[in-house]
């Protein structure tokens, strides 16, 4: 199916994971649309790693994400579980029963105005109810539909976004969406709030068998499956769903990579006592159980802390975002995710998920931190050495794992990706005879510049680095977050004029960091302060007091792995 690609199956578990995933898949879709652009470097990233080819009942070729997502009743809005491209109105109407029928019809959700305009502009749904899919790379799709005029970019308003499906512009396979009907997305009753509830979901034969069937469907069509990436909410009951899903994957697909991204939404407030305590317990239980069953685990959040003490959200010099909006926070995290996952999505010389995890998780350090510079600050007329020298000795990226500022902490191993820098800017273009202002300016390739910079920053650290020409796509429905940037994401003086930002350079990293020592110990301290008798509702969901005691011991043991010690390179 994938023509030699090292396939990855994505699991998306929870509603905030849905927000991050929607932006992620929109960015992949935007990159597919640019695959034939002469300005782009061909073949750097392999879309077949994440996508699969298929065919509808009407013989229409499709190219859809290799994806299983789980969410709660009421979370889909107008999105259909069976997936747009495969829906057949004629089959929907065909009923074998010839007797009297009573129809109970649930009130339809109104489609988000952005998606109504998107479908009109794309022209993918014909009058007979059959989907006409736009063209896909390497001739895998049907010819594109043509229109007399090119539609303007469609931008959803923040007020119109209630759920992640309100801005997802990618068509899904019928096997992708798995709804947990026993819990509600909206309202105060019937919520999936606790880790134990989430674990029990995948202990039920109905949901366990449904997940296993979908896994087998996608896995059996893969030729070179390298592993699974799990996008999982940590703050609610989906932490338990993710833990059981990772355990199932480890049992059934031994030897495959399992990289888990534990997601936490924006800031929280002291006044919401129960929600904050549940958040702490879910995060701690989820983090430890996912670590047990995954090759690598990385928390992702724009918050400043995983514990009970609220910390302000992180700042980006060239981004203006609202930390209370999942639509904004998830866009930033998806952009970081699209960058740090580059190594196992490369066309040429990819780093497998297993190899990446092994490099970063030596000596039991299976939890890593993420950071990113969004966008990477390259001004017109500057070279890559010029931009890197501006950072001085400071850590160049903004922390994205709620582990505090990385300054003063130790890095044991790191995987770094810099993307979207034009080749002409990779090295310094000094006039012959001009002495180079730094050793970076004397380098002859961009790869050499990046490797030497990392060596100077962390001289005793094992660093893997990749330099790509391909930028990160931030076209609508990506929100307007950028200030003082050109359409290609270059940093400008003053307010930009003209077209919106379409793509940006991004500098991202995964790091095994000593900052996790303090973070994990702080989690353990917060847990020891809890009077569990006050939170009997959490315990009644399937967690014993002995489980909490064991959790504390495991957290403290894991924290010790990140205390001092040596890096891989002496």
Protein backbone atom coordinates (compact mmCIF):
# COMPACT_ATOMS: atom_id res chain seq x y z
CA UNK A 1 0.00 0.00 0.00
CA UNK A 2 2.67 2.51 0.95
CA UNK A 3 5.35 1.68 -1.62
CA UNK A 4 8.18 1.06 0.83
CA UNK A 5 7.33 3.82 3.32
CA UNK A 6 7.84 3.06 7.01
CA UNK A 7 4.20 3.45 8.02
CA UNK A 8 2.96 4.99 11.26
CA UNK A 9 -0.53 4.52 12.70
CA UNK A 10 -1.81 7.50 14.69
CA UNK A 11 -4.15 7.14 17.69
CA UNK A 12 -5.93 10.31 18.77
CA UNK A 13 -7.54 9.98 22.19
CA UNK A 14 -9.57 12.80 23.73
CA UNK A 15 -11.05 16.15 22.80
CA UNK A 16 -7.99 18.35 23.17
CA UNK A 17 -6.08 15.65 21.28
CA UNK A 18 -8.76 16.16 18.62
CA UNK A 19 -7.94 19.87 18.46
CA UNK A 20 -4.20 19.19 18.11
CA UNK A 21 -4.91 16.42 15.62
CA UNK A 22 -7.21 18.60 13.50
CA UNK A 23 -4.48 21.22 13.11
CA UNK A 24 -1.88 18.49 12.52
CA UNK A 25 -3.89 16.85 9.71
CA UNK A 26 -4.76 20.23 8.19
CA UNK A 27 -1.02 20.98 8.04
CA UNK A 28 -0.33 17.62 6.41
CA UNK A 29 -3.12 18.31 3.91
CA UNK A 30 -1.70 21.75 3.11
CA UNK A 31 1.72 20.17 2.50
CA UNK A 32 0.14 17.62 0.12
CA UNK A 33 -1.33 20.48 -1.88
CA UNK A 34 2.16 21.94 -2.31
CA UNK A 35 3.82 18.68 -3.31
CA UNK A 36 4.07 19.71 -6.97
CA UNK A 37 5.13 23.32 -6.31
CA UNK A 38 8.38 24.04 -8.14
CA UNK A 39 9.58 26.21 -5.24
CA UNK A 40 9.39 23.31 -2.79
CA UNK A 41 12.15 20.79 -2.23
CA UNK A 42 10.66 17.52 -3.54
CA UNK A 43 10.58 14.40 -1.46
CA UNK A 44 11.90 15.55 1.93
CA UNK A 45 8.89 14.25 3.87
CA UNK A 46 7.05 11.08 2.88
CA UNK A 47 3.25 11.48 3.18
CA UNK A 48 2.75 7.70 2.88
CA UNK A 49 4.14 7.36 6.40
CA UNK A 50 0.93 8.93 7.73
CA UNK A 51 -1.58 8.40 4.89
CA UNK A 52 -3.13 5.39 3.16
CA UNK A 53 -4.62 4.93 -0.29
CA UNK A 54 -8.08 3.44 -0.71
CA UNK A 55 -11.17 3.37 -2.89
CA UNK A 56 -14.82 4.22 -2.24
CA UNK A 57 -17.82 2.13 -3.29
CA UNK A 58 -18.04 4.34 -6.37
CA UNK A 59 -14.49 3.46 -7.42
CA UNK A 60 -13.11 6.82 -6.34
CA UNK A 61 -9.46 6.74 -5.24
CA UNK A 62 -8.86 8.27 -1.82
CA UNK A 63 -5.92 9.27 0.32
CA UNK A 64 -6.85 9.44 3.98
CA UNK A 65 -5.00 9.56 7.31
CA UNK A 66 -3.96 6.24 8.85
CA UNK A 67 -5.83 7.24 11.99
CA UNK A 68 -7.96 5.92 14.84
CA UNK A 69 -9.58 8.59 17.02
CA UNK A 70 -11.71 8.21 20.12
CA UNK A 71 -13.93 10.90 21.60
CA UNK A 72 -17.18 11.23 23.52
CA UNK A 73 -20.83 11.45 22.52
CA UNK A 74 -21.64 14.93 21.24
CA UNK A 75 -18.08 15.86 20.26
CA UNK A 76 -18.38 15.48 16.49
CA UNK A 77 -20.85 18.29 15.79
CA UNK A 78 -21.75 17.91 12.08
CA UNK A 79 -18.95 15.44 11.27
CA UNK A 80 -20.23 11.95 10.38
CA UNK A 81 -18.70 8.85 11.96
CA UNK A 82 -18.60 7.03 8.62
CA UNK A 83 -16.34 9.62 6.97
CA UNK A 84 -17.31 11.97 4.14
CA UNK A 85 -15.64 10.31 1.14
CA UNK A 86 -17.20 6.92 1.83
CA UNK A 87 -20.73 8.02 2.60
CA UNK A 88 -23.31 6.76 0.14
CA UNK A 89 -26.76 8.38 0.32
CA UNK A 90 -28.28 5.60 -1.78
CA UNK A 91 -27.02 2.95 0.62
CA UNK A 92 -28.18 5.03 3.58
CA UNK A 93 -31.70 4.85 2.16
CA UNK A 94 -31.66 1.13 1.34
CA UNK A 95 -33.51 -0.75 4.11
CA UNK A 96 -34.22 -4.47 3.89
CA UNK A 97 -37.25 -4.42 6.26
CA UNK A 98 -40.53 -4.10 4.33
CA UNK A 99 -42.88 -3.65 7.29
CA UNK A 100 -44.00 -0.53 9.13
CA UNK A 101 -41.19 1.82 10.11
CA UNK A 102 -41.03 4.40 12.89
CA UNK A 103 -38.25 6.90 12.44
CA UNK A 104 -36.66 8.69 15.41
CA UNK A 105 -34.47 11.40 14.00
CA UNK A 106 -31.99 13.27 16.16
CA UNK A 107 -31.77 17.00 15.51
CA UNK A 108 -28.92 17.69 13.12
CA UNK A 109 -25.98 19.84 14.21
CA UNK A 110 -25.51 22.90 12.08
CA UNK A 111 -22.28 22.76 10.12
CA UNK A 112 -19.74 25.41 11.05
CA UNK A 113 -19.95 28.29 8.51
CA UNK A 114 -16.24 27.83 7.75
CA UNK A 115 -16.78 24.21 6.72
CA UNK A 116 -19.83 25.13 4.63
CA UNK A 117 -17.70 27.62 2.73
CA UNK A 118 -14.81 25.16 2.57
CA UNK A 119 -16.91 22.46 0.92
CA UNK A 120 -18.28 24.98 -1.54
CA UNK A 121 -14.82 26.28 -2.40
CA UNK A 122 -13.30 22.80 -2.67
CA UNK A 123 -16.22 21.56 -4.77
CA UNK A 124 -15.88 18.02 -3.51
CA UNK A 125 -19.54 17.06 -3.02
CA UNK A 126 -21.55 16.69 -6.21
CA UNK A 127 -25.33 17.03 -6.55
CA UNK A 128 -25.83 13.23 -6.51
CA UNK A 129 -24.25 12.95 -3.07
CA UNK A 130 -21.02 11.36 -4.31
CA UNK A 131 -17.73 12.79 -3.09
CA UNK A 132 -15.20 13.88 -5.70
CA UNK A 133 -11.84 13.86 -3.94
CA UNK A 134 -9.19 16.39 -4.89
CA UNK A 135 -5.97 15.15 -6.43
CA UNK A 136 -3.30 13.56 -4.24
CA UNK A 137 0.45 13.05 -4.69
CA UNK A 138 1.99 10.78 -7.32
CA UNK A 139 -1.22 10.35 -9.27
CA UNK A 140 -3.01 8.55 -6.42
CA UNK A 141 -6.21 10.57 -6.72
CA UNK A 142 -8.78 11.65 -9.25
CA UNK A 143 -8.29 14.76 -11.38
CA UNK A 144 -9.00 17.96 -9.47
CA UNK A 145 -12.21 19.83 -10.06
CA UNK A 146 -11.70 23.19 -11.72
CA UNK A 147 -13.52 26.42 -11.01
CA UNK A 148 -13.67 29.68 -12.88
CA UNK A 149 -12.09 31.62 -10.04
CA UNK A 150 -9.73 30.71 -7.23
CA UNK A 151 -11.57 31.01 -3.90
CA UNK A 152 -10.13 33.29 -1.25
CA UNK A 153 -8.61 31.65 1.83
CA UNK A 154 -11.32 30.81 4.33
CA UNK A 155 -10.65 31.76 7.92
CA UNK A 156 -12.86 30.49 10.76
CA UNK A 157 -13.57 32.90 13.57
CA UNK A 158 -12.66 31.91 17.14
CA UNK A 159 -16.31 32.33 18.14
CA UNK A 160 -17.38 29.74 15.56
CA UNK A 161 -15.06 27.02 16.89
CA UNK A 162 -16.74 24.86 19.54
CA UNK A 163 -15.26 21.44 18.79
CA UNK A 164 -12.28 20.23 16.76
CA UNK A 165 -14.46 18.97 13.90
CA UNK A 166 -15.53 22.59 13.28
CA UNK A 167 -12.22 23.25 11.50
CA UNK A 168 -11.01 19.82 10.33
CA UNK A 169 -10.71 20.03 6.54
CA UNK A 170 -9.41 16.50 5.97
CA UNK A 171 -11.66 13.62 4.94
CA UNK A 172 -11.45 10.56 7.20
CA UNK A 173 -11.86 6.83 6.58
CA UNK A 174 -14.94 5.12 8.10
CA UNK A 175 -12.62 3.08 10.36
CA UNK A 176 -11.09 6.22 11.87
CA UNK A 177 -13.80 7.49 14.23
CA UNK A 178 -14.66 5.48 17.33
CA UNK A 179 -17.20 7.14 19.67
CA UNK A 180 -17.49 6.34 23.37
CA UNK A 181 -21.25 6.60 23.72
CA UNK A 182 -21.46 5.96 27.47
CA UNK A 183 -19.92 9.36 28.34
CA UNK A 184 -20.96 12.86 27.25
CA UNK A 185 -18.80 15.62 25.85
CA UNK A 186 -21.17 18.40 27.00
CA UNK A 187 -22.94 18.98 30.28
CA UNK A 188 -22.03 18.26 33.89
CA UNK A 189 -23.33 14.70 34.05
CA UNK A 190 -21.91 11.58 32.46
CA UNK A 191 -18.40 12.99 31.98
CA UNK A 192 -15.19 10.97 31.53
CA UNK A 193 -13.33 12.67 34.37
CA UNK A 194 -11.11 10.11 36.07
CA UNK A 195 -8.23 7.84 35.09
CA UNK A 196 -10.03 4.74 36.39
CA UNK A 197 -13.06 5.48 34.21
CA UNK A 198 -10.84 5.66 31.15
CA UNK A 199 -9.12 2.37 31.96
CA UNK A 200 -12.49 0.67 32.40
CA UNK A 201 -13.64 1.81 28.94
CA UNK A 202 -11.06 -0.37 27.19
CA UNK A 203 -11.70 -3.21 29.63
CA UNK A 204 -15.23 -3.46 28.23
CA UNK A 205 -15.37 -6.07 25.44
CA UNK A 206 -17.36 -3.72 23.20
CA UNK A 207 -14.75 -0.96 23.06
CA UNK A 208 -11.74 -3.25 23.31
CA UNK A 209 -12.91 -5.34 20.35
CA UNK A 210 -13.78 -2.23 18.37
CA UNK A 211 -10.29 -0.80 18.90
CA UNK A 212 -8.63 -4.14 18.10
CA UNK A 213 -10.65 -4.53 14.87
CA UNK A 214 -9.61 -1.07 13.70
CA UNK A 215 -5.97 -1.71 14.60
CA UNK A 216 -5.97 -4.97 12.65
CA UNK A 217 -7.58 -3.27 9.63
CA UNK A 218 -4.85 -0.61 9.40
CA UNK A 219 -1.90 -2.76 10.50
CA UNK A 220 -2.61 -5.65 8.13
CA UNK A 221 -2.43 -3.40 5.06
CA UNK A 222 0.99 -1.99 6.10
CA UNK A 223 4.13 -3.39 4.51
CA UNK A 224 6.72 -1.83 6.83
CA UNK A 225 4.92 -0.67 9.96
CA UNK A 226 7.44 1.14 12.16
CA UNK A 227 5.08 1.92 15.01
CA UNK A 228 2.36 4.03 16.59
CA UNK A 229 2.11 7.63 17.69
CA UNK A 230 -0.48 8.32 20.39
CA UNK A 231 -1.92 11.80 20.93
CA UNK A 232 -3.60 11.50 24.31
CA UNK A 233 -5.26 13.91 26.73
CA UNK A 234 -3.56 13.69 30.12
CA UNK A 235 -5.84 15.94 32.17
CA UNK A 236 -9.05 13.87 32.12
CA UNK A 237 -10.22 10.27 31.90
CA UNK A 238 -8.61 9.81 28.49
CA UNK A 239 -5.32 9.39 30.37
CA UNK A 240 -6.70 6.00 31.40
CA UNK A 241 -7.89 5.25 27.86
CA UNK A 242 -4.40 6.06 26.57
CA UNK A 243 -2.73 3.89 29.20
CA UNK A 244 -4.83 0.85 28.26
CA UNK A 245 -4.38 1.53 24.54
CA UNK A 246 -0.59 1.69 24.93
CA UNK A 247 -0.66 -1.54 26.96
CA UNK A 248 -2.67 -3.24 24.20
CA UNK A 249 -0.22 -2.04 21.53
CA UNK A 250 2.78 -3.21 23.55
CA UNK A 251 1.22 -6.66 24.02
CA UNK A 252 0.07 -7.18 20.43
CA UNK A 253 2.80 -5.40 18.46
CA UNK A 254 5.99 -6.08 20.38
CA UNK A 255 9.07 -4.52 18.81
CA UNK A 256 7.20 -1.62 17.19
CA UNK A 257 7.81 1.93 18.33
CA UNK A 258 5.17 3.56 20.55
CA UNK A 259 5.69 7.32 20.97
CA UNK A 260 3.10 9.02 23.15
CA UNK A 261 2.38 12.75 23.22
CA UNK A 262 0.58 13.57 26.48
CA UNK A 263 -1.50 16.69 25.85
CA UNK A 264 -2.68 19.29 28.34
CA UNK A 265 -4.84 22.32 27.41
CA UNK A 266 -4.32 25.93 28.52
CA UNK A 267 -4.04 27.49 31.99
CA UNK A 268 -6.14 26.52 34.98
CA UNK A 269 -7.34 28.45 38.03
CA UNK A 270 -7.10 27.87 41.78
CA UNK A 271 -10.85 28.28 42.23
CA UNK A 272 -11.68 25.02 40.41
CA UNK A 273 -10.63 22.66 43.23
CA UNK A 274 -12.08 19.36 42.01
CA UNK A 275 -11.04 19.92 38.42
CA UNK A 276 -7.49 20.77 39.49
CA UNK A 277 -7.16 17.74 41.79
CA UNK A 278 -8.53 15.44 39.10
CA UNK A 279 -6.14 17.04 36.62
CA UNK A 280 -3.19 16.34 38.92
CA UNK A 281 -4.19 12.72 39.57
CA UNK A 282 -4.99 12.00 35.91
CA UNK A 283 -1.71 13.53 34.75
CA UNK A 284 0.37 11.58 37.28
CA UNK A 285 -1.36 8.23 36.68
CA UNK A 286 -1.40 8.75 32.91
CA UNK A 287 2.24 9.78 32.71
CA UNK A 288 3.50 6.79 34.70
CA UNK A 289 1.31 4.17 33.01
CA UNK A 290 2.09 5.52 29.54
CA UNK A 291 5.80 5.48 30.38
CA UNK A 292 5.53 1.80 31.29
CA UNK A 293 3.98 0.81 27.97
CA UNK A 294 5.52 3.32 25.52
CA UNK A 295 8.94 3.60 23.92
CA UNK A 296 8.95 7.34 24.62
CA UNK A 297 6.57 9.81 26.32
CA UNK A 298 6.54 13.59 25.88
CA UNK A 299 4.14 15.92 27.71
CA UNK A 300 2.98 18.83 25.53
CA UNK A 301 1.46 21.96 27.04
CA UNK A 302 1.70 25.75 26.86
CA UNK A 303 1.23 25.88 30.63
CA UNK A 304 4.09 26.49 33.02
CA UNK A 305 3.48 23.59 35.41
CA UNK A 306 2.13 20.04 35.60
CA UNK A 307 1.35 20.38 39.31
CA UNK A 308 -1.23 22.18 41.44
CA UNK A 309 0.50 25.56 41.51
CA UNK A 310 -0.69 27.60 38.51
CA UNK A 311 2.06 29.13 36.40
CA UNK A 312 1.60 31.62 33.54
CA UNK A 313 1.57 30.22 29.99
CA UNK A 314 4.72 30.38 27.91
CA UNK A 315 5.53 33.35 25.66
CA UNK A 316 6.67 33.43 22.04
CA UNK A 317 8.34 36.63 20.78
CA UNK A 318 6.50 36.61 17.43
CA UNK A 319 3.18 35.00 18.42
CA UNK A 320 0.09 36.58 19.93
CA UNK A 321 -2.21 33.85 21.21
CA UNK A 322 -5.02 33.44 23.72
CA UNK A 323 -4.03 30.66 26.15
CA UNK A 324 -7.69 30.13 27.12
CA UNK A 325 -8.62 29.08 23.55
CA UNK A 326 -7.97 25.41 22.65
CA UNK A 327 -8.08 26.52 18.98
CA UNK A 328 -4.96 28.66 19.55
CA UNK A 329 -3.04 26.40 21.95
CA UNK A 330 -3.55 23.31 19.83
CA UNK A 331 -2.35 25.10 16.68
CA UNK A 332 0.99 25.93 18.35
CA UNK A 333 1.43 22.41 19.74
CA UNK A 334 0.56 20.86 16.35
CA UNK A 335 3.21 23.04 14.70
CA UNK A 336 5.81 21.83 17.18
CA UNK A 337 4.64 18.24 16.70
CA UNK A 338 4.86 18.57 12.92
CA UNK A 339 8.51 19.55 13.36
CA UNK A 340 9.85 17.23 16.07
CA UNK A 341 8.32 14.15 14.33
CA UNK A 342 10.27 14.89 11.13
CA UNK A 343 13.03 12.26 11.76
CA UNK A 344 10.71 9.26 11.35
CA UNK A 345 8.80 10.80 8.41
CA UNK A 346 11.75 11.51 6.12
CA UNK A 347 11.92 10.08 2.59
CA UNK A 348 15.69 9.75 2.66
CA UNK A 349 17.55 8.15 5.58
CA UNK A 350 14.70 8.28 8.10
CA UNK A 351 15.35 7.65 11.77
CA UNK A 352 12.93 4.94 12.92
CA UNK A 353 10.67 5.55 15.88
CA UNK A 354 12.47 2.78 17.79
CA UNK A 355 15.89 4.28 17.06
CA UNK A 356 14.76 7.79 18.03
CA UNK A 357 13.30 6.48 21.30
CA UNK A 358 16.43 4.46 22.07
CA UNK A 359 18.67 7.49 21.54
CA UNK A 360 16.63 9.72 23.85
CA UNK A 361 15.55 7.25 26.55
CA UNK A 362 18.82 5.66 27.69
CA UNK A 363 19.20 4.68 31.36
CA UNK A 364 15.44 4.52 31.93
CA UNK A 365 14.77 8.12 30.87
CA UNK A 366 11.66 7.39 28.79
CA UNK A 367 10.06 10.81 29.43
CA UNK A 368 11.40 13.70 27.34
CA UNK A 369 10.63 17.39 26.98
CA UNK A 370 9.81 19.36 23.84
CA UNK A 371 10.67 22.90 22.83
CA UNK A 372 10.26 25.03 19.71
CA UNK A 373 11.02 28.43 18.25
CA UNK A 374 7.88 29.44 16.32
CA UNK A 375 8.71 31.01 13.95
CA UNK A 376 12.49 30.76 13.76
CA UNK A 377 13.63 34.43 13.70
CA UNK A 378 15.30 34.91 10.33
CA UNK A 379 15.14 38.47 9.00
CA UNK A 380 15.56 39.47 5.33
CA UNK A 381 19.25 39.64 4.45
CA UNK A 382 20.29 37.44 7.38
CA UNK A 383 22.02 34.08 7.18
CA UNK A 384 21.49 31.08 9.45
CA UNK A 385 24.76 31.78 11.35
CA UNK A 386 23.59 35.38 11.93
CA UNK A 387 20.28 34.20 13.42
CA UNK A 388 21.82 31.52 15.62
CA UNK A 389 24.41 33.93 17.01
CA UNK A 390 21.59 36.23 18.17
CA UNK A 391 20.56 33.62 20.74
CA UNK A 392 23.95 33.89 22.44
CA UNK A 393 24.32 31.16 25.04
CA UNK A 394 20.59 31.03 25.85
CA UNK A 395 18.42 28.04 25.00
CA UNK A 396 16.92 28.94 21.61
CA UNK A 397 13.49 27.34 21.99
CA UNK A 398 10.43 27.97 24.13
CA UNK A 399 9.65 25.06 26.51
CA UNK A 400 6.50 23.11 25.62
CA UNK A 401 6.33 20.41 28.30
CA UNK A 402 5.27 22.43 31.39
CA UNK A 403 8.62 21.75 33.03
CA UNK A 404 9.68 25.35 33.58
CA UNK A 405 12.47 27.31 31.92
CA UNK A 406 15.32 25.11 30.60
CA UNK A 407 18.04 27.59 31.58
CA UNK A 408 20.36 26.07 34.18
CA UNK A 409 19.19 22.52 33.46
CA UNK A 410 21.18 19.71 31.91
CA UNK A 411 20.45 17.97 28.62
CA UNK A 412 21.42 14.29 28.36
CA UNK A 413 20.46 13.71 24.69
CA UNK A 414 18.50 15.64 22.08
CA UNK A 415 16.92 15.40 18.64
CA UNK A 416 16.78 18.75 16.83
CA UNK A 417 15.01 19.80 13.61
CA UNK A 418 15.34 23.13 11.80
CA UNK A 419 13.05 23.54 8.79
CA UNK A 420 11.98 26.17 6.30
CA UNK A 421 15.29 28.03 5.80
CA UNK A 422 16.11 28.78 2.15
CA UNK A 423 19.33 27.10 1.00
CA UNK A 424 20.83 30.47 0.04
CA UNK A 425 20.64 31.48 3.71
CA UNK A 426 22.26 28.34 5.13
CA UNK A 427 25.78 29.78 5.17
CA UNK A 428 27.30 33.22 5.52
CA UNK A 429 27.93 35.06 2.25
CA UNK A 430 30.99 37.03 3.33
CA UNK A 431 32.99 39.11 0.92
CA UNK A 432 36.28 37.33 0.11
CA UNK A 433 38.96 38.41 2.56
CA UNK A 434 36.47 39.32 5.31
CA UNK A 435 37.26 37.50 8.56
CA UNK A 436 34.27 35.44 9.77
CA UNK A 437 32.69 36.95 12.91
CA UNK A 438 32.26 33.45 14.40
CA UNK A 439 33.11 29.82 13.72
CA UNK A 440 29.54 29.33 12.46
CA UNK A 441 30.17 31.88 9.71
CA UNK A 442 33.14 29.81 8.52
CA UNK A 443 31.03 26.66 7.92
CA UNK A 444 30.47 25.60 4.31
CA UNK A 445 27.05 23.87 4.65
CA UNK A 446 23.88 24.48 6.63
CA UNK A 447 24.16 21.02 8.21
CA UNK A 448 27.65 21.92 9.45
CA UNK A 449 26.36 25.23 10.85
CA UNK A 450 23.59 23.49 12.82
CA UNK A 451 25.79 20.66 14.10
CA UNK A 452 28.50 23.06 15.24
CA UNK A 453 25.97 25.34 16.95
CA UNK A 454 24.54 22.40 18.92
CA UNK A 455 28.06 21.25 19.84
CA UNK A 456 28.85 24.72 21.17
CA UNK A 457 25.60 24.88 23.16
CA UNK A 458 25.81 21.36 24.61
CA UNK A 459 29.39 20.11 24.14
CA UNK A 460 28.95 16.80 25.96
CA UNK A 461 25.52 15.85 24.64
CA UNK A 462 24.50 13.31 22.02
CA UNK A 463 22.69 15.43 19.42
CA UNK A 464 20.87 14.27 16.31
CA UNK A 465 20.03 17.12 13.92
CA UNK A 466 18.10 17.53 10.68
CA UNK A 467 17.95 20.57 8.39
CA UNK A 468 15.03 20.74 5.94
CA UNK A 469 14.06 23.23 3.25
CA UNK A 470 10.36 22.36 3.70
CA UNK A 471 8.60 24.93 5.94
CA UNK A 472 5.64 24.34 8.21
CA UNK A 473 2.26 25.24 6.67
CA UNK A 474 0.09 27.69 8.60
CA UNK A 475 -2.57 28.48 5.99
CA UNK A 476 -6.23 28.81 7.06
CA UNK A 477 -7.89 27.42 9.10
CA UNK A 478 -4.72 27.96 11.14
CA UNK A 479 -5.47 31.01 13.34
CA UNK A 480 -3.86 34.43 12.84
CA UNK A 481 -1.19 34.33 15.53
CA UNK A 482 1.85 35.89 13.87
CA UNK A 483 3.07 39.41 14.35
CA UNK A 484 5.64 41.19 12.16
CA UNK A 485 6.09 38.28 9.74
CA UNK A 486 6.13 38.02 5.95
CA UNK A 487 3.92 35.46 4.12
CA UNK A 488 6.91 33.07 4.29
CA UNK A 489 7.42 33.66 8.01
CA UNK A 490 10.46 35.95 7.86
CA UNK A 491 10.68 38.41 10.74
CA UNK A 492 10.00 42.01 9.63
CA UNK A 493 10.43 45.38 11.28
CA UNK A 494 7.05 46.88 12.15
CA UNK A 495 3.62 45.57 11.18
CA UNK A 496 3.46 43.37 8.06
CA UNK A 497 1.41 44.56 5.11
CA UNK A 498 -0.29 42.53 2.43
CA UNK A 499 -0.88 38.76 2.38
CA UNK A 500 -1.32 36.60 5.48
CA UNK A 501 1.40 34.25 6.71
CA UNK A 502 1.28 30.98 4.75
CA UNK A 503 4.36 29.12 5.96
CA UNK A 504 7.02 29.53 8.62
CA UNK A 505 10.48 28.23 9.54
CA UNK A 506 10.46 26.30 12.82
CA UNK A 507 13.26 25.18 15.16
CA UNK A 508 12.15 22.24 17.34
CA UNK A 509 13.75 19.81 19.76
CA UNK A 510 13.11 16.77 21.91
CA UNK A 511 15.38 16.61 24.93
CA UNK A 512 16.09 14.25 27.78
CA UNK A 513 16.46 16.97 30.40
CA UNK A 514 17.28 17.28 34.08
CA UNK A 515 14.30 19.66 34.34
CA UNK A 516 12.19 16.51 34.61
CA UNK A 517 13.79 15.75 37.99
CA UNK A 518 12.16 18.80 39.58
CA UNK A 519 8.92 18.38 37.62
CA UNK A 520 8.37 14.75 38.63
CA UNK A 521 9.37 15.39 42.24
CA UNK A 522 6.95 18.33 42.38
CA UNK A 523 4.17 16.05 41.11
CA UNK A 524 4.98 13.53 43.84
CA UNK A 525 5.00 16.26 46.52
CA UNK A 526 1.60 17.55 45.40
CA UNK A 527 0.19 14.02 45.57
CA UNK A 528 1.47 13.42 49.10
CA UNK A 529 -0.40 16.53 50.29
CA UNK A 530 -3.78 15.22 49.11
CA UNK A 531 -6.35 13.90 51.54
CA UNK A 532 -7.68 11.11 49.36
CA UNK A 533 -10.78 10.77 51.56
CA UNK A 534 -11.98 14.08 50.12
CA UNK A 535 -11.72 12.68 46.60
CA UNK A 536 -13.57 9.43 47.05
CA UNK A 537 -15.30 9.96 43.68
CA UNK A 538 -11.94 9.65 41.91
CA UNK A 539 -11.02 6.56 43.89
CA UNK A 540 -14.45 4.98 43.32
CA UNK A 541 -13.80 5.13 39.57
CA UNK A 542 -11.38 2.22 39.89
CA UNK A 543 -8.25 3.39 41.73
CA UNK A 544 -7.14 1.85 45.05
CA UNK A 545 -5.14 3.53 47.83
CA UNK A 546 -2.34 1.04 47.14
CA UNK A 547 -2.29 2.28 43.53
CA UNK A 548 -1.60 5.82 44.74
CA UNK A 549 1.21 4.62 47.03
CA UNK A 550 2.75 2.69 44.13
CA UNK A 551 2.38 5.73 41.88
CA UNK A 552 4.29 7.90 44.35
CA UNK A 553 7.13 5.40 44.53
CA UNK A 554 7.34 5.15 40.73
CA UNK A 555 7.31 8.94 40.30
CA UNK A 556 10.16 9.35 42.79
CA UNK A 557 12.17 6.56 41.17
CA UNK A 558 11.73 8.05 37.71
CA UNK A 559 12.67 11.51 39.01
CA UNK A 560 15.97 10.11 40.29
CA UNK A 561 16.88 9.03 36.74
CA UNK A 562 17.10 12.71 35.77
CA UNK A 563 19.18 13.86 38.74
CA UNK A 564 22.77 14.68 37.77
CA UNK A 565 24.52 11.82 36.06
CA UNK A 566 26.41 12.00 32.80
CA UNK A 567 25.27 12.50 29.27
CA UNK A 568 25.83 9.83 26.64
CA UNK A 569 29.10 11.44 25.55
CA UNK A 570 31.95 11.74 28.04
